[in-house]
Amino acid sequence: MAGTGAAPLLGMTDIVKRFPGVVALDGVDLDVQPGEVHCLLGQNGAGKSTLIKVLAGAHQPDEGTITWEGQEVAFPHPQAAMDAGIATIYQELDLVAGLTVAENIYLGHERTRLGFSERQAMADDATALLARLGHPEISAWTEVGDLSAAGQQIVSMARALSHDARLIVMDEPSAVLDGGEVERLF
């Protein structure tokens, strides 16, 4: 869709974020069209994670505008971004070690019927998401704490997909993955 003149799915314009004693972001612009993949590169401290946290609602920009699907938005917290269709996977994974893979994938948006968790339906859906990511070997019934760091990263990705997000943002998703896992990710 690039070059069609259509408004981008996501637009970030002149984003500024300051912390005491440092300007982390200074006039950053980013446009993302549907179907595009972007990679932010830079040294440690360049502001990549800060930009992601601004988009995700974890930080508020001091200046600049964010547009989502053509409308100016402000995400006061991460759930607001998630509700809009933006899923973020941070470097620090937010999984619960004592819960199963399926429970982690659906944590906070569990499938229920008549007030009871539909554990089998969530496990079936989790299995399909893991297969979609190229990891059918990860069981939906395994405790997340028993998985490798790479396996846990895959579960975080499946969790993002479970929200039917229109945009998935990953902060260093390949840091804990080996070469084959990185190839499957892409």
N, C-alpha and C. Protein backbone atom coordinates (compact mmCIF):
# COMPACT_ATOMS: atom_id res chain seq x y z
N MET A 1 0.81 -1.19 0.00
CA MET A 1 0.00 0.00 0.00
C MET A 1 0.85 1.26 0.00
N ALA A 2 2.14 1.10 0.26
CA ALA A 2 3.00 2.27 0.26
C ALA A 2 2.90 2.95 -1.09
N GLY A 3 2.86 4.27 -1.04
CA GLY A 3 2.80 5.01 -2.28
C GLY A 3 1.39 5.21 -2.81
N THR A 4 0.37 4.66 -2.13
CA THR A 4 -0.99 4.81 -2.59
C THR A 4 -1.61 6.11 -2.12
N GLY A 5 -0.93 6.81 -1.21
CA GLY A 5 -1.48 8.03 -0.66
C GLY A 5 -2.42 7.76 0.50
N ALA A 6 -2.68 6.51 0.80
CA ALA A 6 -3.55 6.17 1.92
C ALA A 6 -2.87 6.50 3.24
N ALA A 7 -3.68 6.87 4.22
CA ALA A 7 -3.13 7.14 5.55
C ALA A 7 -2.50 5.87 6.09
N PRO A 8 -1.38 6.00 6.79
CA PRO A 8 -0.74 4.81 7.34
C PRO A 8 -1.61 4.19 8.45
N LEU A 9 -1.41 2.92 8.69
CA LEU A 9 -2.05 2.26 9.82
C LEU A 9 -1.62 2.95 11.11
N LEU A 10 -0.31 3.20 11.21
CA LEU A 10 0.27 3.87 12.37
C LEU A 10 1.09 5.04 11.89
N GLY A 11 0.94 6.17 12.54
CA GLY A 11 1.79 7.32 12.29
C GLY A 11 2.27 7.88 13.61
N MET A 12 3.57 8.07 13.72
CA MET A 12 4.15 8.73 14.89
C MET A 12 4.93 9.92 14.34
N THR A 13 4.58 11.12 14.80
CA THR A 13 5.16 12.33 14.24
C THR A 13 5.75 13.20 15.33
N ASP A 14 7.01 13.57 15.16
CA ASP A 14 7.72 14.48 16.08
C ASP A 14 7.63 14.04 17.54
N ILE A 15 7.79 12.76 17.79
CA ILE A 15 7.68 12.22 19.15
C ILE A 15 8.91 12.63 19.96
N VAL A 16 8.65 13.24 21.10
CA VAL A 16 9.69 13.65 22.04
C VAL A 16 9.37 13.01 23.39
N LYS A 17 10.38 12.43 24.00
CA LYS A 17 10.24 11.89 25.35
C LYS A 17 11.48 12.25 26.15
N ARG A 18 11.25 12.93 27.27
CA ARG A 18 12.34 13.34 28.14
C ARG A 18 12.22 12.62 29.47
N PHE A 19 13.37 12.28 30.01
CA PHE A 19 13.48 11.79 31.37
C PHE A 19 14.42 12.74 32.10
N PRO A 20 14.42 12.77 33.41
CA PRO A 20 15.33 13.68 34.11
C PRO A 20 16.77 13.54 33.62
N GLY A 21 17.28 14.63 33.07
CA GLY A 21 18.67 14.67 32.63
C GLY A 21 18.94 14.11 31.25
N VAL A 22 17.93 13.61 30.55
CA VAL A 22 18.18 13.02 29.22
C VAL A 22 16.96 13.17 28.31
N VAL A 23 17.24 13.44 27.05
CA VAL A 23 16.19 13.43 26.02
C VAL A 23 16.31 12.08 25.33
N ALA A 24 15.35 11.21 25.59
CA ALA A 24 15.41 9.85 25.04
C ALA A 24 14.96 9.80 23.59
N LEU A 25 13.97 10.61 23.24
CA LEU A 25 13.46 10.69 21.87
C LEU A 25 13.37 12.16 21.50
N ASP A 26 13.86 12.52 20.34
CA ASP A 26 13.91 13.93 19.96
C ASP A 26 13.37 14.09 18.53
N GLY A 27 12.05 14.18 18.40
CA GLY A 27 11.44 14.42 17.10
C GLY A 27 11.39 13.21 16.19
N VAL A 28 11.04 12.07 16.73
CA VAL A 28 11.02 10.81 15.97
C VAL A 28 9.74 10.71 15.14
N ASP A 29 9.90 10.29 13.88
CA ASP A 29 8.78 10.04 12.97
C ASP A 29 8.82 8.57 12.54
N LEU A 30 7.65 7.95 12.47
CA LEU A 30 7.54 6.57 11.99
C LEU A 30 6.15 6.39 11.40
N ASP A 31 6.10 5.87 10.18
CA ASP A 31 4.83 5.50 9.55
C ASP A 31 4.88 4.02 9.23
N VAL A 32 3.78 3.32 9.47
CA VAL A 32 3.68 1.90 9.15
C VAL A 32 2.39 1.69 8.36
N GLN A 33 2.54 1.16 7.16
CA GLN A 33 1.40 0.80 6.32
C GLN A 33 0.98 -0.64 6.64
N PRO A 34 -0.27 -1.01 6.39
CA PRO A 34 -0.67 -2.40 6.60
C PRO A 34 0.23 -3.36 5.81
N GLY A 35 0.63 -4.43 6.44
CA GLY A 35 1.45 -5.45 5.79
C GLY A 35 2.94 -5.18 5.81
N GLU A 36 3.35 -4.02 6.26
CA GLU A 36 4.77 -3.70 6.31
C GLU A 36 5.42 -4.28 7.56
N VAL A 37 6.72 -4.54 7.43
CA VAL A 37 7.55 -4.95 8.56
C VAL A 37 8.66 -3.93 8.68
N HIS A 38 8.86 -3.41 9.87
CA HIS A 38 9.92 -2.44 10.12
C HIS A 38 10.85 -2.98 11.18
N CYS A 39 12.10 -2.58 11.10
CA CYS A 39 13.11 -2.96 12.07
C CYS A 39 13.80 -1.68 12.52
N LEU A 40 13.82 -1.43 13.81
CA LEU A 40 14.53 -0.28 14.35
C LEU A 40 15.90 -0.73 14.80
N LEU A 41 16.91 -0.07 14.29
CA LEU A 41 18.28 -0.40 14.64
C LEU A 41 18.93 0.78 15.32
N GLY A 42 19.80 0.50 16.27
CA GLY A 42 20.54 1.55 16.95
C GLY A 42 21.29 0.99 18.14
N GLN A 43 22.21 1.79 18.62
CA GLN A 43 23.00 1.38 19.78
C GLN A 43 22.14 1.31 21.02
N ASN A 44 22.66 0.66 22.05
CA ASN A 44 22.00 0.70 23.35
C ASN A 44 21.85 2.16 23.77
N GLY A 45 20.68 2.50 24.26
CA GLY A 45 20.43 3.88 24.69
C GLY A 45 19.97 4.80 23.59
N ALA A 46 19.77 4.26 22.38
CA ALA A 46 19.35 5.10 21.25
C ALA A 46 17.88 5.48 21.31
N GLY A 47 17.09 4.79 22.13
CA GLY A 47 15.68 5.14 22.28
C GLY A 47 14.70 4.16 21.66
N LYS A 48 15.18 3.04 21.17
CA LYS A 48 14.30 2.06 20.52
C LYS A 48 13.21 1.58 21.49
N SER A 49 13.60 1.13 22.66
CA SER A 49 12.62 0.62 23.63
C SER A 49 11.72 1.73 24.13
N THR A 50 12.25 2.93 24.26
CA THR A 50 11.42 4.07 24.69
C THR A 50 10.34 4.36 23.66
N LEU A 51 10.70 4.34 22.38
CA LEU A 51 9.71 4.56 21.32
C LEU A 51 8.62 3.51 21.39
N ILE A 52 9.01 2.26 21.58
CA ILE A 52 8.04 1.18 21.69
C ILE A 52 7.11 1.40 22.89
N LYS A 53 7.68 1.80 24.01
CA LYS A 53 6.87 2.03 25.21
C LYS A 53 5.93 3.22 25.06
N VAL A 54 6.34 4.23 24.29
CA VAL A 54 5.43 5.35 23.99
C VAL A 54 4.27 4.84 23.15
N LEU A 55 4.55 4.06 22.12
CA LEU A 55 3.49 3.52 21.28
C LEU A 55 2.55 2.63 22.07
N ALA A 56 3.10 1.85 22.99
CA ALA A 56 2.31 0.89 23.75
C ALA A 56 1.55 1.51 24.91
N GLY A 57 1.75 2.80 25.19
CA GLY A 57 1.05 3.44 26.30
C GLY A 57 1.74 3.27 27.63
N ALA A 58 2.92 2.67 27.67
CA ALA A 58 3.67 2.52 28.93
C ALA A 58 4.33 3.83 29.32
N HIS A 59 4.68 4.68 28.34
CA HIS A 59 5.19 6.04 28.55
C HIS A 59 4.32 6.98 27.75
N GLN A 60 4.18 8.18 28.24
CA GLN A 60 3.45 9.20 27.50
C GLN A 60 4.45 10.12 26.81
N PRO A 61 4.22 10.47 25.54
CA PRO A 61 5.15 11.38 24.87
C PRO A 61 5.02 12.78 25.47
N ASP A 62 6.13 13.48 25.53
CA ASP A 62 6.11 14.87 25.99
C ASP A 62 5.65 15.80 24.87
N GLU A 63 5.93 15.41 23.64
CA GLU A 63 5.49 16.17 22.46
C GLU A 63 5.25 15.18 21.33
N GLY A 64 4.53 15.63 20.31
CA GLY A 64 4.30 14.81 19.13
C GLY A 64 2.91 14.20 19.12
N THR A 65 2.61 13.54 17.99
CA THR A 65 1.29 12.94 17.83
C THR A 65 1.42 11.49 17.34
N ILE A 66 0.44 10.73 17.75
CA ILE A 66 0.32 9.34 17.29
C ILE A 66 -1.04 9.24 16.60
N THR A 67 -1.03 8.69 15.38
CA THR A 67 -2.29 8.41 14.70
C THR A 67 -2.39 6.90 14.49
N TRP A 68 -3.58 6.39 14.67
CA TRP A 68 -3.86 4.97 14.49
C TRP A 68 -5.08 4.86 13.60
N GLU A 69 -4.92 4.18 12.49
CA GLU A 69 -5.98 4.03 11.51
C GLU A 69 -6.57 5.38 11.10
N GLY A 70 -5.68 6.39 10.96
CA GLY A 70 -6.08 7.70 10.49
C GLY A 70 -6.60 8.66 11.55
N GLN A 71 -6.72 8.21 12.79
CA GLN A 71 -7.24 9.05 13.86
C GLN A 71 -6.15 9.34 14.88
N GLU A 72 -6.07 10.59 15.35
CA GLU A 72 -5.11 10.91 16.40
C GLU A 72 -5.55 10.22 17.69
N VAL A 73 -4.60 9.60 18.36
CA VAL A 73 -4.90 8.84 19.57
C VAL A 73 -3.88 9.17 20.66
N ALA A 74 -4.27 8.84 21.87
CA ALA A 74 -3.37 8.87 23.02
C ALA A 74 -3.67 7.60 23.81
N PHE A 75 -2.65 6.82 24.08
CA PHE A 75 -2.84 5.58 24.84
C PHE A 75 -2.38 5.83 26.27
N PRO A 76 -3.32 6.03 27.20
CA PRO A 76 -2.93 6.36 28.58
C PRO A 76 -2.31 5.20 29.35
N HIS A 77 -2.49 3.99 28.82
CA HIS A 77 -1.93 2.80 29.46
C HIS A 77 -1.85 1.69 28.42
N PRO A 78 -1.06 0.65 28.70
CA PRO A 78 -0.90 -0.42 27.70
C PRO A 78 -2.19 -1.12 27.29
N GLN A 79 -3.15 -1.26 28.19
CA GLN A 79 -4.39 -1.93 27.81
C GLN A 79 -5.14 -1.13 26.75
N ALA A 80 -5.03 0.20 26.79
CA ALA A 80 -5.69 1.02 25.77
C ALA A 80 -5.10 0.75 24.39
N ALA A 81 -3.79 0.59 24.32
CA ALA A 81 -3.15 0.25 23.04
C ALA A 81 -3.59 -1.14 22.58
N MET A 82 -3.63 -2.08 23.52
CA MET A 82 -4.06 -3.44 23.19
C MET A 82 -5.51 -3.43 22.70
N ASP A 83 -6.36 -2.68 23.38
CA ASP A 83 -7.77 -2.60 22.97
C ASP A 83 -7.91 -2.02 21.56
N ALA A 84 -6.99 -1.14 21.18
CA ALA A 84 -7.02 -0.54 19.84
C ALA A 84 -6.49 -1.48 18.77
N GLY A 85 -5.78 -2.54 19.19
CA GLY A 85 -5.26 -3.50 18.22
C GLY A 85 -3.75 -3.50 18.09
N ILE A 86 -3.05 -2.94 19.09
CA ILE A 86 -1.59 -2.91 19.09
C ILE A 86 -1.09 -3.80 20.22
N ALA A 87 -0.43 -4.89 19.87
CA ALA A 87 0.14 -5.80 20.87
C ALA A 87 1.64 -5.58 20.94
N THR A 88 2.16 -5.52 22.15
CA THR A 88 3.59 -5.29 22.35
C THR A 88 4.20 -6.43 23.14
N ILE A 89 5.33 -6.91 22.66
CA ILE A 89 6.11 -7.92 23.35
C ILE A 89 7.40 -7.24 23.79
N TYR A 90 7.57 -7.07 25.08
CA TYR A 90 8.73 -6.38 25.62
C TYR A 90 9.91 -7.33 25.77
N GLN A 91 11.11 -6.74 25.94
CA GLN A 91 12.31 -7.54 26.20
C GLN A 91 12.11 -8.37 27.46
N GLU A 92 11.55 -7.75 28.50
CA GLU A 92 11.30 -8.45 29.75
C GLU A 92 9.94 -9.13 29.61
N LEU A 93 9.93 -10.43 29.51
CA LEU A 93 8.68 -11.15 29.27
C LEU A 93 7.77 -11.06 30.49
N ASP A 94 6.48 -10.99 30.23
CA ASP A 94 5.50 -10.86 31.31
C ASP A 94 4.67 -12.13 31.47
N LEU A 95 5.35 -13.25 31.51
CA LEU A 95 4.68 -14.54 31.66
C LEU A 95 4.70 -14.97 33.12
N VAL A 96 3.78 -15.86 33.48
CA VAL A 96 3.68 -16.38 34.84
C VAL A 96 4.16 -17.82 34.83
N ALA A 97 5.30 -18.07 35.47
CA ALA A 97 5.98 -19.37 35.40
C ALA A 97 5.11 -20.54 35.82
N GLY A 98 4.25 -20.38 36.82
CA GLY A 98 3.45 -21.48 37.35
C GLY A 98 2.19 -21.79 36.56
N LEU A 99 1.90 -21.01 35.54
CA LEU A 99 0.72 -21.26 34.71
C LEU A 99 1.13 -22.00 33.44
N THR A 100 0.17 -22.67 32.84
CA THR A 100 0.44 -23.39 31.59
C THR A 100 0.63 -22.40 30.44
N VAL A 101 1.11 -22.93 29.33
CA VAL A 101 1.26 -22.13 28.12
C VAL A 101 -0.08 -21.52 27.73
N ALA A 102 -1.14 -22.32 27.69
CA ALA A 102 -2.46 -21.82 27.29
C ALA A 102 -2.96 -20.75 28.27
N GLU A 103 -2.77 -20.99 29.57
CA GLU A 103 -3.22 -20.00 30.56
C GLU A 103 -2.48 -18.69 30.38
N ASN A 104 -1.19 -18.74 30.06
CA ASN A 104 -0.43 -17.52 29.83
C ASN A 104 -0.89 -16.81 28.56
N ILE A 105 -1.15 -17.55 27.51
CA ILE A 105 -1.57 -16.94 26.26
C ILE A 105 -2.89 -16.20 26.43
N TYR A 106 -3.78 -16.74 27.23
CA TYR A 106 -5.11 -16.14 27.41
C TYR A 106 -5.28 -15.40 28.73
N LEU A 107 -4.19 -15.18 29.45
CA LEU A 107 -4.25 -14.47 30.73
C LEU A 107 -4.79 -13.05 30.50
N GLY A 108 -5.85 -12.73 31.20
CA GLY A 108 -6.46 -11.42 31.07
C GLY A 108 -7.58 -11.37 30.05
N HIS A 109 -7.68 -12.39 29.21
CA HIS A 109 -8.81 -12.46 28.27
C HIS A 109 -9.20 -13.92 28.07
N GLU A 110 -9.39 -14.58 29.22
CA GLU A 110 -9.73 -16.00 29.24
C GLU A 110 -11.07 -16.24 28.54
N ARG A 111 -11.16 -17.38 27.91
CA ARG A 111 -12.43 -17.79 27.30
C ARG A 111 -13.26 -18.45 28.40
N THR A 112 -14.48 -18.01 28.55
CA THR A 112 -15.36 -18.56 29.58
C THR A 112 -16.74 -18.84 29.00
N ARG A 113 -17.42 -19.70 29.70
CA ARG A 113 -18.81 -19.99 29.38
C ARG A 113 -19.53 -20.20 30.70
N LEU A 114 -20.57 -19.42 30.91
CA LEU A 114 -21.35 -19.49 32.14
C LEU A 114 -20.46 -19.32 33.37
N GLY A 115 -19.43 -18.49 33.25
CA GLY A 115 -18.56 -18.20 34.38
C GLY A 115 -17.43 -19.19 34.60
N PHE A 116 -17.33 -20.21 33.76
CA PHE A 116 -16.28 -21.22 33.90
C PHE A 116 -15.29 -21.09 32.76
N SER A 117 -14.01 -21.28 33.09
CA SER A 117 -12.97 -21.24 32.07
C SER A 117 -13.13 -22.40 31.10
N GLU A 118 -12.99 -22.10 29.84
CA GLU A 118 -13.02 -23.14 28.81
C GLU A 118 -11.58 -23.56 28.53
N ARG A 119 -11.01 -24.33 29.45
CA ARG A 119 -9.60 -24.70 29.39
C ARG A 119 -9.24 -25.46 28.12
N GLN A 120 -10.08 -26.41 27.73
CA GLN A 120 -9.77 -27.19 26.52
C GLN A 120 -9.81 -26.32 25.27
N ALA A 121 -10.80 -25.44 25.18
CA ALA A 121 -10.90 -24.55 24.01
C ALA A 121 -9.68 -23.62 23.96
N MET A 122 -9.26 -23.11 25.12
CA MET A 122 -8.07 -22.25 25.13
C MET A 122 -6.83 -23.05 24.75
N ALA A 123 -6.72 -24.28 25.22
CA ALA A 123 -5.57 -25.13 24.86
C ALA A 123 -5.57 -25.43 23.37
N ASP A 124 -6.75 -25.72 22.81
CA ASP A 124 -6.84 -25.99 21.37
C ASP A 124 -6.42 -24.77 20.55
N ASP A 125 -6.90 -23.60 20.96
CA ASP A 125 -6.55 -22.37 20.26
C ASP A 125 -5.06 -22.05 20.42
N ALA A 126 -4.53 -22.28 21.62
CA ALA A 126 -3.11 -22.06 21.87
C ALA A 126 -2.27 -22.98 20.99
N THR A 127 -2.68 -24.23 20.87
CA THR A 127 -1.97 -25.19 20.02
C THR A 127 -1.94 -24.71 18.57
N ALA A 128 -3.06 -24.18 18.09
CA ALA A 128 -3.12 -23.66 16.72
C ALA A 128 -2.22 -22.44 16.55
N LEU A 129 -2.19 -21.56 17.55
CA LEU A 129 -1.32 -20.38 17.47
C LEU A 129 0.16 -20.79 17.46
N LEU A 130 0.51 -21.76 18.30
CA LEU A 130 1.90 -22.22 18.35
C LEU A 130 2.31 -22.89 17.04
N ALA A 131 1.38 -23.63 16.44
CA ALA A 131 1.66 -24.24 15.13
C ALA A 131 1.84 -23.17 14.07
N ARG A 132 1.02 -22.13 14.13
CA ARG A 132 1.13 -21.02 13.18
C ARG A 132 2.51 -20.36 13.27
N LEU A 133 3.06 -20.34 14.48
CA LEU A 133 4.39 -19.77 14.69
C LEU A 133 5.51 -20.76 14.38
N GLY A 134 5.14 -21.96 13.96
CA GLY A 134 6.15 -22.96 13.61
C GLY A 134 6.67 -23.75 14.80
N HIS A 135 5.89 -23.79 15.88
CA HIS A 135 6.32 -24.51 17.09
C HIS A 135 5.22 -25.44 17.61
N PRO A 136 4.83 -26.42 16.79
CA PRO A 136 3.80 -27.36 17.26
C PRO A 136 4.30 -28.25 18.40
N GLU A 137 5.61 -28.27 18.63
CA GLU A 137 6.16 -29.12 19.69
C GLU A 137 5.92 -28.55 21.09
N ILE A 138 5.55 -27.28 21.19
CA ILE A 138 5.27 -26.69 22.50
C ILE A 138 3.84 -27.05 22.88
N SER A 139 3.70 -27.78 23.98
CA SER A 139 2.37 -28.21 24.45
C SER A 139 1.68 -27.08 25.19
N ALA A 140 0.40 -26.92 24.91
CA ALA A 140 -0.40 -25.91 25.59
C ALA A 140 -0.55 -26.21 27.08
N TRP A 141 -0.29 -27.45 27.48
CA TRP A 141 -0.46 -27.87 28.87
C TRP A 141 0.84 -27.78 29.68
N THR A 142 1.95 -27.45 29.03
CA THR A 142 3.23 -27.32 29.72
C THR A 142 3.25 -26.06 30.57
N GLU A 143 3.86 -26.15 31.76
CA GLU A 143 4.05 -24.95 32.57
C GLU A 143 5.11 -24.09 31.90
N VAL A 144 4.85 -22.80 31.77
CA VAL A 144 5.76 -21.89 31.09
C VAL A 144 7.14 -21.90 31.75
N GLY A 145 7.20 -22.05 33.06
CA GLY A 145 8.47 -22.06 33.77
C GLY A 145 9.36 -23.22 33.37
N ASP A 146 8.80 -24.25 32.76
CA ASP A 146 9.58 -25.41 32.31
C ASP A 146 10.15 -25.21 30.90
N LEU A 147 9.78 -24.14 30.23
CA LEU A 147 10.26 -23.87 28.87
C LEU A 147 11.59 -23.12 28.91
N SER A 148 12.34 -23.27 27.84
CA SER A 148 13.56 -22.48 27.66
C SER A 148 13.18 -21.01 27.47
N ALA A 149 14.16 -20.14 27.53
CA ALA A 149 13.91 -18.72 27.28
C ALA A 149 13.33 -18.53 25.88
N ALA A 150 13.84 -19.29 24.91
CA ALA A 150 13.32 -19.20 23.55
C ALA A 150 11.87 -19.65 23.49
N GLY A 151 11.54 -20.73 24.17
CA GLY A 151 10.16 -21.21 24.21
C GLY A 151 9.24 -20.18 24.84
N GLN A 152 9.70 -19.54 25.89
CA GLN A 152 8.90 -18.50 26.53
C GLN A 152 8.67 -17.32 25.59
N GLN A 153 9.67 -16.98 24.79
CA GLN A 153 9.50 -15.90 23.81
C GLN A 153 8.43 -16.27 22.79
N ILE A 154 8.42 -17.51 22.36
CA ILE A 154 7.41 -17.97 21.41
C ILE A 154 6.02 -17.87 22.04
N VAL A 155 5.90 -18.23 23.32
CA VAL A 155 4.61 -18.12 24.01
C VAL A 155 4.16 -16.66 24.05
N SER A 156 5.09 -15.74 24.28
CA SER A 156 4.74 -14.32 24.28
C SER A 156 4.23 -13.88 22.91
N MET A 157 4.83 -14.41 21.87
CA MET A 157 4.37 -14.09 20.52
C MET A 157 2.97 -14.64 20.28
N ALA A 158 2.73 -15.87 20.73
CA ALA A 158 1.40 -16.46 20.58
C ALA A 158 0.37 -15.65 21.36
N ARG A 159 0.78 -15.15 22.52
CA ARG A 159 -0.12 -14.32 23.33
C ARG A 159 -0.52 -13.07 22.55
N ALA A 160 0.44 -12.43 21.89
CA ALA A 160 0.12 -11.25 21.09
C ALA A 160 -0.84 -11.60 19.97
N LEU A 161 -0.61 -12.73 19.30
CA LEU A 161 -1.50 -13.15 18.22
C LEU A 161 -2.91 -13.47 18.73
N SER A 162 -3.01 -13.91 19.98
CA SER A 162 -4.33 -14.29 20.52
C SER A 162 -5.26 -13.10 20.69
N HIS A 163 -4.72 -11.90 20.63
CA HIS A 163 -5.53 -10.69 20.78
C HIS A 163 -6.04 -10.17 19.44
N ASP A 164 -5.77 -10.89 18.36
CA ASP A 164 -6.17 -10.43 17.02
C ASP A 164 -5.65 -9.03 16.74
N ALA A 165 -4.42 -8.77 17.13
CA ALA A 165 -3.82 -7.46 16.95
C ALA A 165 -3.64 -7.13 15.47
N ARG A 166 -3.79 -5.86 15.15
CA ARG A 166 -3.53 -5.38 13.78
C ARG A 166 -2.06 -5.04 13.61
N LEU A 167 -1.38 -4.75 14.74
CA LEU A 167 0.04 -4.41 14.73
C LEU A 167 0.70 -5.11 15.90
N ILE A 168 1.76 -5.84 15.63
CA ILE A 168 2.52 -6.49 16.70
C ILE A 168 3.90 -5.84 16.73
N VAL A 169 4.25 -5.35 17.91
CA VAL A 169 5.53 -4.68 18.12
C VAL A 169 6.36 -5.56 19.04
N MET A 170 7.57 -5.87 18.60
CA MET A 170 8.46 -6.74 19.38
C MET A 170 9.74 -6.00 19.71
N ASP A 171 10.10 -5.97 20.98
CA ASP A 171 11.32 -5.33 21.42
C ASP A 171 12.40 -6.41 21.57
N GLU A 172 13.29 -6.47 20.61
CA GLU A 172 14.38 -7.45 20.54
C GLU A 172 13.88 -8.89 20.65
N PRO A 173 12.99 -9.30 19.75
CA PRO A 173 12.40 -10.64 19.85
C PRO A 173 13.38 -11.77 19.64
N SER A 174 14.46 -11.51 18.94
CA SER A 174 15.38 -12.60 18.62
C SER A 174 16.54 -12.72 19.60
N ALA A 175 16.58 -11.90 20.62
CA ALA A 175 17.72 -11.89 21.54
C ALA A 175 17.97 -13.25 22.19
N VAL A 176 16.91 -14.01 22.48
CA VAL A 176 17.08 -15.30 23.16
C VAL A 176 16.86 -16.49 22.22
N LEU A 177 16.72 -16.22 20.91
CA LEU A 177 16.44 -17.28 19.97
C LEU A 177 17.70 -17.71 19.24
N ASP A 178 17.78 -19.02 18.91
CA ASP A 178 18.91 -19.48 18.11
C ASP A 178 18.60 -19.22 16.63
N GLY A 179 19.56 -19.50 15.75
CA GLY A 179 19.41 -19.21 14.32
C GLY A 179 18.18 -19.80 13.69
N GLY A 180 17.89 -21.08 13.97
CA GLY A 180 16.72 -21.73 13.41
C GLY A 180 15.43 -21.10 13.91
N GLU A 181 15.40 -20.74 15.20
CA GLU A 181 14.20 -20.12 15.77
C GLU A 181 13.98 -18.74 15.18
N VAL A 182 15.06 -17.99 14.93
CA VAL A 182 14.94 -16.68 14.30
C VAL A 182 14.37 -16.84 12.89
N GLU A 183 14.84 -17.84 12.16
CA GLU A 183 14.33 -18.08 10.80
C GLU A 183 12.85 -18.40 10.83
N ARG A 184 12.39 -19.23 11.78
CA ARG A 184 10.96 -19.55 11.89
C ARG A 184 10.15 -18.31 12.27
N LEU A 185 10.72 -17.46 13.14
CA LEU A 185 10.03 -16.25 13.55
C LEU A 185 9.72 -15.39 12.33
N PHE A 186 10.73 -15.17 11.48
CA PHE A 186 10.52 -14.32 10.33
C PHE A 186 9.74 -15.01 9.24
